[in-house]
């Protein structure tokens, strides 16, 4: 492997670690801050919606920047916007302004778009037989920061109180610092002379005949993300209202996020060895089990924690295998465009789930939200069956 490619790999991994630290606050504390200012649970779901909406809006523009100017500039711009978002949230907390908090969370969500693009970036240089493994290693790198990040929230609250910061804004000190470090690593770690995408002659020749399964593969990733985002968004609020502290709720989220990333290399290797479809199916099974646990044991914090860990594992299998499948089906000049659309769809589905999650909990309770999320899993299973059918027909043609 060329030195430039190795440098990119190291930069992507380091950036993912920092991004996990920087974005941890947006999941739990961002929801709590929005609910605190608004005085209602529905704002918690809206907070997650704005964060994922920011990622959705940024996905395609960042993909275009990557295509025209390279990954280096695209990733640095995205991390810089996330820095601005964290700063806005701190200011908004002082002003008790919900619109500003939501604006800040939307800008901070662009950092998630950077994370999504980073997992595809490594596949630009991967061989077909190792694409799932290489993609999963970059995804896995988020584990370190994702575990550390939420657990810094309790310290951040104490630090913020000690220096007179507005309530619940202290954790965003770590967010801004981590995103600043990530932006620096992306800029200095990814050289300007490394090509954005390596396209072989054979890949370019087959690009004109794009697989009809691509949009359905994108939809499967989006549905898995919606399942995860909807339940995860309301879990901190549910736990805090049931007597847990901010630190305890954040610890549950950290375990959930660890589930999202820790075993991603395993799912990447499995998707290379046994195929993308079996791993996608496994992901749906794990998601269904997690929803059953949170639906049946909503007041048992230990069981909710187990459910959230499984929710993360199911998301991981679905996302890693689905992303590898999209990479497999979208070789050629249109590859970055398709990747951008996939990231936008994934984030938009999370945003929609966030919109629905708050009202769903108010109407149905936390248990009812988990039951309702089974609809996403069922739809994903149907689409996976359709993908199998389409690929079989294309192979026969």
Foldseek 3Di string as FASTA:
>chain_A
DDPLLVLLLVLLLLLLLLLLQQCLCQQQLLLVLLCVLVVANLSLLLSLLLLLLLLLVLLQVLLVCCLVQNLLVSLLVLLVLLLVLLVQLQVCLVVSNNVSSSVSSSSNSSSVNSLLVSLVQSLLPDDLLQSLLSSLSSLQSNLNSNLVRLLCQVVQQVVCVVVVGGGSSRSSVSNNVSSVVSSVSSNVSNDRPDDRHDADPVLAVCQVPFFPLLVLLLLLLQLLLLLLLLLSSCQSVLVVVLPDDSNVSSNLSSLLQSLQRNCSSVLSNCCSVVHLLVLLLVLLVLSLVLLVQCLVCVNDVVSPSVSSSSSSNSSSSSNSSSVSVNCVRRGHDCSSSSSSNSSSSNSNSSSVSSSPNRVQCVVPNSSSNSVVSVVSSVVSVVSSVVSVVSVVVVVVD
